[in-house]
Amino acid sequence: MFDDCISGRGKEGDVGGLSEKLRNAPINHIEIAKACRGRHQWNTDEKGWEVKYGPYRDHWIVLLLTVNQRIFAMPMPKVAPDKIKSQFEQEEDYQRDMTMRFN
């Protein structure tokens, strides 16, 4: 899992390769997000796009969920009305809309 997650760092034998200390440094949040994220891929058999995930994606998700159960929860948008209307104003707007439609 670790080797798959750090695969984008480079190898020791590469030109300008990493030292062993940098290669085995702790994983950062960007690398974990990359391991969980899917990539679009063209399927030549079905002639369409599909999403392909890494081999350890499910394991990373389970590990992240043990840290915080709400880590993948979508934030709820805050709804603030521009103007608070009374029922009387809403009824006037409705009647105005209805008369405009039929005229």
PDB file of N, CA and C in Angstrom:
ATOM      1  N   MET A   1       0.819  -1.190   0.000  1.00  0.00           N
ATOM      2  CA  MET A   1       0.000   0.000   0.000  1.00  0.00           C
ATOM      3  C   MET A   1       0.865   1.257   0.000  1.00  0.00           C
ATOM      4  N   PHE A   2       1.896   1.236   0.834  1.00  0.00           N
ATOM      5  CA  PHE A   2       2.782   2.392   0.924  1.00  0.00           C
ATOM      6  C   PHE A   2       3.501   2.620  -0.402  1.00  0.00           C
ATOM      7  N   ASP A   3       4.043   1.551  -0.987  1.00  0.00           N
ATOM      8  CA  ASP A   3       4.771   1.688  -2.254  1.00  0.00           C
ATOM      9  C   ASP A   3       3.870   2.186  -3.372  1.00  0.00           C
ATOM     10  N   ASP A   4       2.628   1.728  -3.386  1.00  0.00           N
ATOM     11  CA  ASP A   4       1.698   2.195  -4.402  1.00  0.00           C
ATOM     12  C   ASP A   4       1.383   3.675  -4.207  1.00  0.00           C
ATOM     13  N   CYS A   5       1.275   4.108  -2.969  1.00  0.00           N
ATOM     14  CA  CYS A   5       0.937   5.501  -2.672  1.00  0.00           C
ATOM     15  C   CYS A   5       2.085   6.451  -3.023  1.00  0.00           C
ATOM     16  N   ILE A   6       3.331   6.013  -2.830  1.00  0.00           N
ATOM     17  CA  ILE A   6       4.468   6.894  -3.114  1.00  0.00           C
ATOM     18  C   ILE A   6       5.037   6.667  -4.509  1.00  0.00           C
ATOM     19  N   SER A   7       4.321   5.985  -5.360  1.00  0.00           N
ATOM     20  CA  SER A   7       4.849   5.683  -6.693  1.00  0.00           C
ATOM     21  C   SER A   7       5.142   6.938  -7.516  1.00  0.00           C
ATOM     22  N   GLY A   8       4.516   8.063  -7.205  1.00  0.00           N
ATOM     23  CA  GLY A   8       4.758   9.293  -7.944  1.00  0.00           C
ATOM     24  C   GLY A   8       6.002  10.047  -7.493  1.00  0.00           C
ATOM     25  N   ARG A   9       6.650   9.601  -6.431  1.00  0.00           N
ATOM     26  CA  ARG A   9       7.827  10.304  -5.917  1.00  0.00           C
ATOM     27  C   ARG A   9       9.079  10.086  -6.767  1.00  0.00           C
ATOM     28  N   GLY A  10       9.162   9.025  -7.483  1.00  0.00           N
ATOM     29  CA  GLY A  10      10.375   8.705  -8.230  1.00  0.00           C
ATOM     30  C   GLY A  10      11.141   7.596  -7.544  1.00  0.00           C
ATOM     31  N   LYS A  11      12.177   7.118  -8.215  1.00  0.00           N
ATOM     32  CA  LYS A  11      12.971   6.006  -7.681  1.00  0.00           C
ATOM     33  C   LYS A  11      14.418   6.437  -7.534  1.00  0.00           C
ATOM     34  N   GLU A  12      15.204   5.651  -6.813  1.00  0.00           N
ATOM     35  CA  GLU A  12      16.598   5.997  -6.565  1.00  0.00           C
ATOM     36  C   GLU A  12      17.415   6.017  -7.852  1.00  0.00           C
ATOM     37  N   GLY A  13      17.153   5.127  -8.770  1.00  0.00           N
ATOM     38  CA  GLY A  13      17.948   5.029  -9.978  1.00  0.00           C
ATOM     39  C   GLY A  13      17.621   6.069 -11.036  1.00  0.00           C
ATOM     40  N   ASP A  14      16.513   6.799 -10.870  1.00  0.00           N
ATOM     41  CA  ASP A  14      16.108   7.812 -11.852  1.00  0.00           C
ATOM     42  C   ASP A  14      17.100   8.974 -11.866  1.00  0.00           C
ATOM     43  N   VAL A  15      17.084   9.696 -12.984  1.00  0.00           N
ATOM     44  CA  VAL A  15      17.895  10.913 -13.070  1.00  0.00           C
ATOM     45  C   VAL A  15      17.332  11.900 -12.054  1.00  0.00           C
ATOM     46  N   GLY A  16      18.194  12.401 -11.195  1.00  0.00           N
ATOM     47  CA  GLY A  16      17.732  13.289 -10.132  1.00  0.00           C
ATOM     48  C   GLY A  16      16.871  12.544  -9.132  1.00  0.00           C
ATOM     49  N   GLY A  17      17.134  11.250  -8.932  1.00  0.00           N
ATOM     50  CA  GLY A  17      16.320  10.415  -8.061  1.00  0.00           C
ATOM     51  C   GLY A  17      16.378  10.846  -6.607  1.00  0.00           C
ATOM     52  N   LEU A  18      15.495  10.284  -5.829  1.00  0.00           N
ATOM     53  CA  LEU A  18      15.382  10.645  -4.423  1.00  0.00           C
ATOM     54  C   LEU A  18      16.340   9.835  -3.570  1.00  0.00           C
ATOM     55  N   SER A  19      16.757  10.419  -2.463  1.00  0.00           N
ATOM     56  CA  SER A  19      17.529   9.653  -1.504  1.00  0.00           C
ATOM     57  C   SER A  19      16.576   8.708  -0.775  1.00  0.00           C
ATOM     58  N   GLU A  20      17.136   7.744  -0.118  1.00  0.00           N
ATOM     59  CA  GLU A  20      16.313   6.768   0.615  1.00  0.00           C
ATOM     60  C   GLU A  20      15.516   7.451   1.733  1.00  0.00           C
ATOM     61  N   LYS A  21      16.106   8.493   2.330  1.00  0.00           N
ATOM     62  CA  LYS A  21      15.422   9.206   3.404  1.00  0.00           C
ATOM     63  C   LYS A  21      14.178   9.919   2.874  1.00  0.00           C
ATOM     64  N   LEU A  22      14.292  10.606   1.728  1.00  0.00           N
ATOM     65  CA  LEU A  22      13.145  11.301   1.154  1.00  0.00           C
ATOM     66  C   LEU A  22      12.114  10.328   0.597  1.00  0.00           C
ATOM     67  N   ARG A  23      12.583   9.212   0.049  1.00  0.00           N
ATOM     68  CA  ARG A  23      11.662   8.235  -0.524  1.00  0.00           C
ATOM     69  C   ARG A  23      10.800   7.580   0.549  1.00  0.00           C
ATOM     70  N   ASN A  24      11.343   7.390   1.718  1.00  0.00           N
ATOM     71  CA  ASN A  24      10.603   6.746   2.815  1.00  0.00           C
ATOM     72  C   ASN A  24      10.039   7.751   3.808  1.00  0.00           C
ATOM     73  N   ALA A  25       9.944   9.020   3.428  1.00  0.00           N
ATOM     74  CA  ALA A  25       9.355  10.044   4.292  1.00  0.00           C
ATOM     75  C   ALA A  25       7.860   9.758   4.472  1.00  0.00           C
ATOM     76  N   PRO A  26       7.254  10.324   5.494  1.00  0.00           N
ATOM     77  CA  PRO A  26       5.808  10.086   5.708  1.00  0.00           C
ATOM     78  C   PRO A  26       4.962  10.529   4.514  1.00  0.00           C
ATOM     79  N   ILE A  27       3.840   9.878   4.361  1.00  0.00           N
ATOM     80  CA  ILE A  27       2.916  10.172   3.265  1.00  0.00           C
ATOM     81  C   ILE A  27       2.161  11.456   3.604  1.00  0.00           C
ATOM     82  N   ASN A  28       1.992  12.324   2.611  1.00  0.00           N
ATOM     83  CA  ASN A  28       1.232  13.553   2.856  1.00  0.00           C
ATOM     84  C   ASN A  28      -0.207  13.378   2.357  1.00  0.00           C
ATOM     85  N   HIS A  29      -1.031  14.373   2.638  1.00  0.00           N
ATOM     86  CA  HIS A  29      -2.459  14.268   2.314  1.00  0.00           C
ATOM     87  C   HIS A  29      -2.708  14.265   0.802  1.00  0.00           C
ATOM     88  N   ILE A  30      -1.846  14.865   0.028  1.00  0.00           N
ATOM     89  CA  ILE A  30      -2.025  14.873  -1.425  1.00  0.00           C
ATOM     90  C   ILE A  30      -1.832  13.471  -1.995  1.00  0.00           C
ATOM     91  N   GLU A  31      -0.848  12.752  -1.487  1.00  0.00           N
ATOM     92  CA  GLU A  31      -0.601  11.383  -1.959  1.00  0.00           C
ATOM     93  C   GLU A  31      -1.732  10.441  -1.549  1.00  0.00           C
ATOM     94  N   ILE A  32      -2.300  10.646  -0.379  1.00  0.00           N
ATOM     95  CA  ILE A  32      -3.426   9.809   0.048  1.00  0.00           C
ATOM     96  C   ILE A  32      -4.653  10.100  -0.812  1.00  0.00           C
ATOM     97  N   ALA A  33      -4.891  11.373  -1.118  1.00  0.00           N
ATOM     98  CA  ALA A  33      -6.016  11.727  -1.989  1.00  0.00           C
ATOM     99  C   ALA A  33      -5.830  11.118  -3.371  1.00  0.00           C
ATOM    100  N   LYS A  34      -4.606  11.103  -3.882  1.00  0.00           N
ATOM    101  CA  LYS A  34      -4.316  10.506  -5.182  1.00  0.00           C
ATOM    102  C   LYS A  34      -4.585   8.991  -5.162  1.00  0.00           C
ATOM    103  N   ALA A  35      -4.282   8.352  -4.029  1.00  0.00           N
ATOM    104  CA  ALA A  35      -4.505   6.906  -3.926  1.00  0.00           C
ATOM    105  C   ALA A  35      -5.999   6.565  -3.877  1.00  0.00           C
ATOM    106  N   CYS A  36      -6.830   7.483  -3.380  1.00  0.00           N
ATOM    107  CA  CYS A  36      -8.269   7.236  -3.271  1.00  0.00           C
ATOM    108  C   CYS A  36      -9.040   7.655  -4.518  1.00  0.00           C
ATOM    109  N   ARG A  37      -8.495   8.589  -5.273  1.00  0.00           N
ATOM    110  CA  ARG A  37      -9.207   9.166  -6.416  1.00  0.00           C
ATOM    111  C   ARG A  37      -9.149   8.229  -7.614  1.00  0.00           C
ATOM    112  N   GLY A  38     -10.217   8.228  -8.392  1.00  0.00           N
ATOM    113  CA  GLY A  38     -10.265   7.427  -9.611  1.00  0.00           C
ATOM    114  C   GLY A  38      -9.773   8.213 -10.810  1.00  0.00           C
ATOM    115  N   ARG A  39      -9.398   7.503 -11.851  1.00  0.00           N
ATOM    116  CA  ARG A  39      -8.940   8.116 -13.093  1.00  0.00           C
ATOM    117  C   ARG A  39      -9.852   7.675 -14.227  1.00  0.00           C
ATOM    118  N   HIS A  40     -10.191   8.617 -15.123  1.00  0.00           N
ATOM    119  CA  HIS A  40     -11.007   8.265 -16.284  1.00  0.00           C
ATOM    120  C   HIS A  40     -10.154   7.515 -17.306  1.00  0.00           C
ATOM    121  N   GLN A  41     -10.750   6.503 -17.888  1.00  0.00           N
ATOM    122  CA  GLN A  41     -10.039   5.659 -18.841  1.00  0.00           C
ATOM    123  C   GLN A  41     -10.997   5.256 -19.942  1.00  0.00           C
ATOM    124  N   TRP A  42     -10.520   5.254 -21.181  1.00  0.00           N
ATOM    125  CA  TRP A  42     -11.337   4.858 -22.321  1.00  0.00           C
ATOM    126  C   TRP A  42     -11.390   3.341 -22.397  1.00  0.00           C
ATOM    127  N   ASN A  43     -12.593   2.786 -22.421  1.00  0.00           N
ATOM    128  CA  ASN A  43     -12.779   1.342 -22.551  1.00  0.00           C
ATOM    129  C   ASN A  43     -12.955   1.026 -24.032  1.00  0.00           C
ATOM    130  N   THR A  44     -11.972   0.333 -24.612  1.00  0.00           N
ATOM    131  CA  THR A  44     -12.024   0.063 -26.054  1.00  0.00           C
ATOM    132  C   THR A  44     -13.074  -0.976 -26.415  1.00  0.00           C
ATOM    133  N   ASP A  45     -13.425  -1.857 -25.491  1.00  0.00           N
ATOM    134  CA  ASP A  45     -14.438  -2.883 -25.789  1.00  0.00           C
ATOM    135  C   ASP A  45     -15.836  -2.283 -25.832  1.00  0.00           C
ATOM    136  N   GLU A  46     -16.175  -1.471 -24.818  1.00  0.00           N
ATOM    137  CA  GLU A  46     -17.517  -0.883 -24.734  1.00  0.00           C
ATOM    138  C   GLU A  46     -17.608   0.479 -25.409  1.00  0.00           C
ATOM    139  N   LYS A  47     -16.479   1.011 -25.886  1.00  0.00           N
ATOM    140  CA  LYS A  47     -16.428   2.325 -26.551  1.00  0.00           C
ATOM    141  C   LYS A  47     -17.015   3.426 -25.675  1.00  0.00           C
ATOM    142  N   GLY A  48     -16.524   3.516 -24.475  1.00  0.00           N
ATOM    143  CA  GLY A  48     -17.008   4.538 -23.554  1.00  0.00           C
ATOM    144  C   GLY A  48     -16.004   4.776 -22.440  1.00  0.00           C
ATOM    145  N   TRP A  49     -16.209   5.856 -21.716  1.00  0.00           N
ATOM    146  CA  TRP A  49     -15.337   6.192 -20.605  1.00  0.00           C
ATOM    147  C   TRP A  49     -15.766   5.456 -19.343  1.00  0.00           C
ATOM    148  N   GLU A  50     -14.799   5.096 -18.527  1.00  0.00           N
ATOM    149  CA  GLU A  50     -15.060   4.480 -17.235  1.00  0.00           C
ATOM    150  C   GLU A  50     -14.047   5.012 -16.226  1.00  0.00           C
ATOM    151  N   VAL A  51     -14.346   4.833 -14.975  1.00  0.00           N
ATOM    152  CA  VAL A  51     -13.456   5.297 -13.917  1.00  0.00           C
ATOM    153  C   VAL A  51     -12.697   4.093 -13.380  1.00  0.00           C
ATOM    154  N   LYS A  52     -11.369   4.203 -13.377  1.00  0.00           N
ATOM    155  CA  LYS A  52     -10.530   3.114 -12.870  1.00  0.00           C
ATOM    156  C   LYS A  52      -9.892   3.569 -11.561  1.00  0.00           C
ATOM    157  N   TYR A  53      -9.976   2.720 -10.541  1.00  0.00           N
ATOM    158  CA  TYR A  53      -9.433   3.042  -9.223  1.00  0.00           C
ATOM    159  C   TYR A  53      -8.170   2.243  -8.980  1.00  0.00           C
ATOM    160  N   GLY A  54      -7.334   2.756  -8.069  1.00  0.00           N
ATOM    161  CA  GLY A  54      -6.103   2.068  -7.708  1.00  0.00           C
ATOM    162  C   GLY A  54      -6.384   0.784  -6.952  1.00  0.00           C
ATOM    163  N   PRO A  55      -5.366  -0.079  -6.837  1.00  0.00           N
ATOM    164  CA  PRO A  55      -5.594  -1.396  -6.214  1.00  0.00           C
ATOM    165  C   PRO A  55      -5.904  -1.347  -4.721  1.00  0.00           C
ATOM    166  N   TYR A  56      -5.479  -0.317  -4.025  1.00  0.00           N
ATOM    167  CA  TYR A  56      -5.671  -0.265  -2.572  1.00  0.00           C
ATOM    168  C   TYR A  56      -6.659   0.814  -2.151  1.00  0.00           C
ATOM    169  N   ARG A  57      -7.493   1.275  -3.066  1.00  0.00           N
ATOM    170  CA  ARG A  57      -8.430   2.366  -2.774  1.00  0.00           C
ATOM    171  C   ARG A  57      -9.342   2.024  -1.597  1.00  0.00           C
ATOM    172  N   ASP A  58      -9.935   0.846  -1.595  1.00  0.00           N
ATOM    173  CA  ASP A  58     -10.858   0.459  -0.519  1.00  0.00           C
ATOM    174  C   ASP A  58     -10.154   0.395   0.835  1.00  0.00           C
ATOM    175  N   HIS A  59      -8.908  -0.052   0.843  1.00  0.00           N
ATOM    176  CA  HIS A  59      -8.160  -0.113   2.099  1.00  0.00           C
ATOM    177  C   HIS A  59      -7.884   1.287   2.648  1.00  0.00           C
ATOM    178  N   TRP A  60      -7.534   2.228   1.755  1.00  0.00           N
ATOM    179  CA  TRP A  60      -7.307   3.602   2.193  1.00  0.00           C
ATOM    180  C   TRP A  60      -8.586   4.217   2.751  1.00  0.00           C
ATOM    181  N   ILE A  61      -9.708   3.944   2.113  1.00  0.00           N
ATOM    182  CA  ILE A  61     -10.979   4.504   2.583  1.00  0.00           C
ATOM    183  C   ILE A  61     -11.327   3.964   3.967  1.00  0.00           C
ATOM    184  N   VAL A  62     -11.110   2.682   4.194  1.00  0.00           N
ATOM    185  CA  VAL A  62     -11.376   2.108   5.522  1.00  0.00           C
ATOM    186  C   VAL A  62     -10.469   2.745   6.570  1.00  0.00           C
ATOM    187  N   LEU A  63      -9.195   2.951   6.226  1.00  0.00           N
ATOM    188  CA  LEU A  63      -8.282   3.593   7.170  1.00  0.00           C
ATOM    189  C   LEU A  63      -8.705   5.032   7.475  1.00  0.00           C
ATOM    190  N   LEU A  64      -9.122   5.762   6.451  1.00  0.00           N
ATOM    191  CA  LEU A  64      -9.556   7.142   6.665  1.00  0.00           C
ATOM    192  C   LEU A  64     -10.839   7.205   7.483  1.00  0.00           C
ATOM    193  N   LEU A  65     -11.740   6.251   7.282  1.00  0.00           N
ATOM    194  CA  LEU A  65     -12.987   6.240   8.045  1.00  0.00           C
ATOM    195  C   LEU A  65     -12.759   5.889   9.513  1.00  0.00           C
ATOM    196  N   THR A  66     -11.674   5.180   9.831  1.00  0.00           N
ATOM    197  CA  THR A  66     -11.369   4.911  11.238  1.00  0.00           C
ATOM    198  C   THR A  66     -10.891   6.175  11.937  1.00  0.00           C
ATOM    199  N   VAL A  67     -10.320   7.107  11.182  1.00  0.00           N
ATOM    200  CA  VAL A  67      -9.882   8.374  11.762  1.00  0.00           C
ATOM    201  C   VAL A  67     -11.085   9.254  12.071  1.00  0.00           C
ATOM    202  N   ASN A  68     -12.007   9.359  11.091  1.00  0.00           N
ATOM    203  CA  ASN A  68     -13.178  10.216  11.260  1.00  0.00           C
ATOM    204  C   ASN A  68     -14.301   9.656  10.400  1.00  0.00           C
ATOM    205  N   GLN A  69     -15.437   9.369  11.006  1.00  0.00           N
ATOM    206  CA  GLN A  69     -16.565   8.786  10.282  1.00  0.00           C
ATOM    207  C   GLN A  69     -17.149   9.743   9.254  1.00  0.00           C
ATOM    208  N   ARG A  70     -17.016  11.040   9.470  1.00  0.00           N
ATOM    209  CA  ARG A  70     -17.623  12.030   8.579  1.00  0.00           C
ATOM    210  C   ARG A  70     -16.633  12.616   7.579  1.00  0.00           C
ATOM    211  N   ILE A  71     -15.513  11.937   7.355  1.00  0.00           N
ATOM    212  CA  ILE A  71     -14.471  12.498   6.499  1.00  0.00           C
ATOM    213  C   ILE A  71     -14.928  12.662   5.048  1.00  0.00           C
ATOM    214  N   PHE A  72     -15.827  11.821   4.575  1.00  0.00           N
ATOM    215  CA  PHE A  72     -16.310  11.916   3.204  1.00  0.00           C
ATOM    216  C   PHE A  72     -17.685  12.563   3.109  1.00  0.00           C
ATOM    217  N   ALA A  73     -18.191  13.115   4.206  1.00  0.00           N
ATOM    218  CA  ALA A  73     -19.513  13.738   4.199  1.00  0.00           C
ATOM    219  C   ALA A  73     -19.454  15.060   3.432  1.00  0.00           C
ATOM    220  N   MET A  74     -20.475  15.284   2.647  1.00  0.00           N
ATOM    221  CA  MET A  74     -20.558  16.532   1.897  1.00  0.00           C
ATOM    222  C   MET A  74     -20.994  17.645   2.850  1.00  0.00           C
ATOM    223  N   PRO A  75     -20.347  18.802   2.794  1.00  0.00           N
ATOM    224  CA  PRO A  75     -20.782  19.899   3.663  1.00  0.00           C
ATOM    225  C   PRO A  75     -22.137  20.423   3.221  1.00  0.00           C
ATOM    226  N   MET A  76     -22.998  20.682   4.185  1.00  0.00           N
ATOM    227  CA  MET A  76     -24.332  21.180   3.878  1.00  0.00           C
ATOM    228  C   MET A  76     -24.251  22.677   3.581  1.00  0.00           C
ATOM    229  N   PRO A  77     -24.843  23.116   2.473  1.00  0.00           N
ATOM    230  CA  PRO A  77     -24.807  24.551   2.179  1.00  0.00           C
ATOM    231  C   PRO A  77     -25.681  25.328   3.151  1.00  0.00           C
ATOM    232  N   LYS A  78     -25.211  26.494   3.525  1.00  0.00           N
ATOM    233  CA  LYS A  78     -25.976  27.333   4.443  1.00  0.00           C
ATOM    234  C   LYS A  78     -26.989  28.116   3.615  1.00  0.00           C
ATOM    235  N   VAL A  79     -28.240  27.989   3.969  1.00  0.00           N
ATOM    236  CA  VAL A  79     -29.299  28.665   3.244  1.00  0.00           C
ATOM    237  C   VAL A  79     -29.711  29.891   4.057  1.00  0.00           C
ATOM    238  N   ALA A  80     -29.525  31.045   3.445  1.00  0.00           N
ATOM    239  CA  ALA A  80     -29.933  32.291   4.089  1.00  0.00           C
ATOM    240  C   ALA A  80     -30.834  33.035   3.116  1.00  0.00           C
ATOM    241  N   PRO A  81     -32.097  33.245   3.462  1.00  0.00           N
ATOM    242  CA  PRO A  81     -32.996  33.927   2.530  1.00  0.00           C
ATOM    243  C   PRO A  81     -32.608  35.391   2.368  1.00  0.00           C
ATOM    244  N   ASP A  82     -32.807  35.902   1.137  1.00  0.00           N
ATOM    245  CA  ASP A  82     -32.535  37.317   0.887  1.00  0.00           C
ATOM    246  C   ASP A  82     -33.505  38.195   1.674  1.00  0.00           C
ATOM    247  N   LYS A  83     -34.754  37.787   1.652  1.00  0.00           N
ATOM    248  CA  LYS A  83     -35.784  38.553   2.350  1.00  0.00           C
ATOM    249  C   LYS A  83     -36.784  37.566   2.937  1.00  0.00           C
ATOM    250  N   ILE A  84     -37.135  37.764   4.143  1.00  0.00           N
ATOM    251  CA  ILE A  84     -38.143  36.908   4.760  1.00  0.00           C
ATOM    252  C   ILE A  84     -39.499  37.469   4.399  1.00  0.00           C
ATOM    253  N   LYS A  85     -40.307  36.651   3.736  1.00  0.00           N
ATOM    254  CA  LYS A  85     -41.628  37.101   3.297  1.00  0.00           C
ATOM    255  C   LYS A  85     -42.701  36.515   4.202  1.00  0.00           C
ATOM    256  N   SER A  86     -43.668  37.331   4.435  1.00  0.00           N
ATOM    257  CA  SER A  86     -44.807  36.832   5.198  1.00  0.00           C
ATOM    258  C   SER A  86     -45.708  36.054   4.253  1.00  0.00           C
ATOM    259  N   GLN A  87     -46.645  35.340   4.818  1.00  0.00           N
ATOM    260  CA  GLN A  87     -47.580  34.557   4.006  1.00  0.00           C
ATOM    261  C   GLN A  87     -48.403  35.484   3.104  1.00  0.00           C
ATOM    262  N   PHE A  88     -48.717  36.665   3.583  1.00  0.00           N
ATOM    263  CA  PHE A  88     -49.491  37.626   2.801  1.00  0.00           C
ATOM    264  C   PHE A  88     -48.719  38.062   1.553  1.00  0.00           C
ATOM    265  N   GLU A  89     -47.423  38.324   1.701  1.00  0.00           N
ATOM    266  CA  GLU A  89     -46.595  38.715   0.554  1.00  0.00           C
ATOM    267  C   GLU A  89     -46.435  37.572  -0.434  1.00  0.00           C
ATOM    268  N   GLN A  90     -46.282  36.364   0.075  1.00  0.00           N
ATOM    269  CA  GLN A  90     -46.171  35.203  -0.813  1.00  0.00           C
ATOM    270  C   GLN A  90     -47.456  35.015  -1.610  1.00  0.00           C
ATOM    271  N   GLU A  91     -48.592  35.188  -0.968  1.00  0.00           N
ATOM    272  CA  GLU A  91     -49.876  35.047  -1.644  1.00  0.00           C
ATOM    273  C   GLU A  91     -50.038  36.128  -2.714  1.00  0.00           C
ATOM    274  N   GLU A  92     -49.610  37.368  -2.435  1.00  0.00           N
ATOM    275  CA  GLU A  92     -49.668  38.436  -3.438  1.00  0.00           C
ATOM    276  C   GLU A  92     -48.811  38.106  -4.655  1.00  0.00           C
ATOM    277  N   ASP A  93     -47.609  37.594  -4.417  1.00  0.00           N
ATOM    278  CA  ASP A  93     -46.728  37.232  -5.528  1.00  0.00           C
ATOM    279  C   ASP A  93     -47.338  36.106  -6.369  1.00  0.00           C
ATOM    280  N   TYR A  94     -47.951  35.163  -5.692  1.00  0.00           N
ATOM    281  CA  TYR A  94     -48.578  34.048  -6.403  1.00  0.00           C
ATOM    282  C   TYR A  94     -49.736  34.544  -7.269  1.00  0.00           C
ATOM    283  N   GLN A  95     -50.570  35.391  -6.706  1.00  0.00           N
ATOM    284  CA  GLN A  95     -51.708  35.925  -7.464  1.00  0.00           C
ATOM    285  C   GLN A  95     -51.224  36.764  -8.654  1.00  0.00           C
ATOM    286  N   ARG A  96     -50.192  37.550  -8.464  1.00  0.00           N
ATOM    287  CA  ARG A  96     -49.639  38.366  -9.544  1.00  0.00           C
ATOM    288  C   ARG A  96     -49.118  37.471 -10.682  1.00  0.00           C
ATOM    289  N   ASP A  97     -48.430  36.395 -10.312  1.00  0.00           N
ATOM    290  CA  ASP A  97     -47.927  35.462 -11.327  1.00  0.00           C
ATOM    291  C   ASP A  97     -49.058  34.787 -12.086  1.00  0.00           C
ATOM    292  N   MET A  98     -50.110  34.418 -11.373  1.00  0.00           N
ATOM    293  CA  MET A  98     -51.229  33.732 -12.015  1.00  0.00           C
ATOM    294  C   MET A  98     -51.965  34.668 -12.976  1.00  0.00           C
ATOM    295  N   THR A  99     -52.154  35.940 -12.596  1.00  0.00           N
ATOM    296  CA  THR A  99     -52.861  36.870 -13.491  1.00  0.00           C
ATOM    297  C   THR A  99     -52.012  37.196 -14.713  1.00  0.00           C
ATOM    298  N   MET A 100     -50.701  37.209 -14.573  1.00  0.00           N
ATOM    299  CA  MET A 100     -49.836  37.488 -15.725  1.00  0.00           C
ATOM    300  C   MET A 100     -49.857  36.336 -16.712  1.00  0.00           C
ATOM    301  N   ARG A 101     -49.997  35.134 -16.232  1.00  0.00           N
ATOM    302  CA  ARG A 101     -50.018  33.951 -17.111  1.00  0.00           C
ATOM    303  C   ARG A 101     -51.279  33.896 -17.956  1.00  0.00           C
ATOM    304  N   PHE A 102     -52.391  34.304 -17.364  1.00  0.00           N
ATOM    305  CA  PHE A 102     -53.668  34.174 -18.068  1.00  0.00           C
ATOM    306  C   PHE A 102     -54.040  35.422 -18.870  1.00  0.00           C
ATOM    307  N   ASN A 103     -53.300  36.474 -18.767  1.00  0.00           N
ATOM    308  CA  ASN A 103     -53.578  37.707 -19.531  1.00  0.00           C
ATOM    309  C   ASN A 103     -52.771  37.793 -20.791  1.00  0.00           C
TER     310      ASN A 103
END
